[in-house]
């Protein structure tokens, strides 16, 4: 089972599930921008996880993690504006 994680396939499986969730949300009427705000940060974090699992250089881990913050803030701003 360790090969599943060392090869990064565990992260690939999570990314597939996130993709399926995105399609499901779109079919339920969500906009692509709302889906990106909701699932984008998770996808970037999982990409960073995948890079770490396969032993990639540090920047392949750091860049996706850093990119997840702006998407998270975008989602947070949209949710806070909706509540007001």
Protein backbone atom coordinates (compact mmCIF):
# COMPACT_ATOMS: atom_id res chain seq x y z
CA UNK A 1 0.00 0.00 0.00
CA UNK A 2 2.94 2.34 0.51
CA UNK A 3 3.51 2.43 -3.29
CA UNK A 4 0.05 4.04 -3.61
CA UNK A 5 1.23 7.03 -1.59
CA UNK A 6 4.85 7.13 -2.76
CA UNK A 7 3.74 7.26 -6.39
CA UNK A 8 1.34 10.15 -5.71
CA UNK A 9 -1.68 8.11 -6.81
CA UNK A 10 -3.41 8.80 -3.50
CA UNK A 11 -3.41 12.50 -4.36
CA UNK A 12 -4.53 11.67 -7.91
CA UNK A 13 -7.54 9.85 -6.48
CA UNK A 14 -8.44 12.88 -4.37
CA UNK A 15 -8.14 15.13 -7.43
CA UNK A 16 -10.48 12.84 -9.36
CA UNK A 17 -13.02 13.03 -6.55
CA UNK A 18 -12.71 16.83 -6.52
CA UNK A 19 -13.29 16.85 -10.29
CA UNK A 20 -16.38 14.68 -9.92
CA UNK A 21 -17.65 16.99 -7.19
CA UNK A 22 -17.12 19.98 -9.48
CA UNK A 23 -19.18 18.34 -12.23
CA UNK A 24 -21.90 17.41 -9.73
CA UNK A 25 -22.05 20.98 -8.41
CA UNK A 26 -22.22 22.36 -11.96
CA UNK A 27 -25.12 20.04 -12.76
CA UNK A 28 -26.87 21.37 -9.65
CA UNK A 29 -26.64 24.91 -10.98
CA UNK A 30 -23.48 26.28 -9.37
CA UNK A 31 -21.44 28.79 -11.34
CA UNK A 32 -17.88 27.90 -12.34
CA UNK A 33 -16.54 30.79 -10.27
CA UNK A 34 -18.32 29.53 -7.16
CA UNK A 35 -17.01 26.02 -7.79
CA UNK A 36 -13.47 27.35 -8.29
CA UNK A 37 -13.69 29.27 -5.04
CA UNK A 38 -14.95 26.24 -3.17
CA UNK A 39 -12.81 23.46 -4.63
CA UNK A 40 -9.85 25.38 -6.03
CA UNK A 41 -7.98 25.77 -2.74
CA UNK A 42 -8.41 22.07 -2.00
CA UNK A 43 -7.13 21.14 -5.46
CA UNK A 44 -4.04 23.31 -5.03
CA UNK A 45 -3.36 21.86 -1.59
CA UNK A 46 -3.67 18.33 -2.97
CA UNK A 47 -1.31 19.23 -5.83
CA UNK A 48 1.20 20.38 -3.22
CA UNK A 49 0.65 17.14 -1.32
CA UNK A 50 1.25 15.14 -4.48
CA UNK A 51 4.49 16.98 -5.12
CA UNK A 52 5.63 16.28 -1.56
CA UNK A 53 4.69 12.60 -1.81
CA UNK A 54 6.74 12.04 -4.96
CA UNK A 55 9.73 13.97 -3.62
CA UNK A 56 9.54 16.93 -5.98
CA UNK A 57 11.59 20.07 -5.44
CA UNK A 58 10.42 22.39 -2.67
CA UNK A 59 8.92 24.96 -5.04
CA UNK A 60 6.54 22.36 -6.51
CA UNK A 61 5.18 22.00 -2.98
CA UNK A 62 5.26 25.69 -2.03
CA UNK A 63 3.73 27.25 -5.16
CA UNK A 64 0.42 25.31 -5.13
CA UNK A 65 0.09 25.92 -1.39
CA UNK A 66 0.66 29.64 -1.93
CA UNK A 67 -1.85 29.72 -4.80
CA UNK A 68 -4.53 28.18 -2.62
CA UNK A 69 -4.68 31.29 -0.40
CA UNK A 70 -5.96 33.78 -3.02
CA UNK A 71 -8.66 31.33 -4.11
CA UNK A 72 -9.66 30.76 -0.51
CA UNK A 73 -9.88 34.52 0.08
CA UNK A 74 -11.94 34.90 -3.13
CA UNK A 75 -14.37 32.26 -1.86
CA UNK A 76 -14.49 33.83 1.60
CA UNK A 77 -15.22 37.28 0.16
CA UNK A 78 -18.06 35.88 -1.93
CA UNK A 79 -19.58 34.07 1.01
CA UNK A 80 -19.36 37.12 3.27
CA UNK A 81 -20.97 39.34 0.60
CA UNK A 82 -23.80 36.84 0.18
CA UNK A 83 -24.63 36.92 3.89
CA UNK A 84 -24.92 40.72 4.03
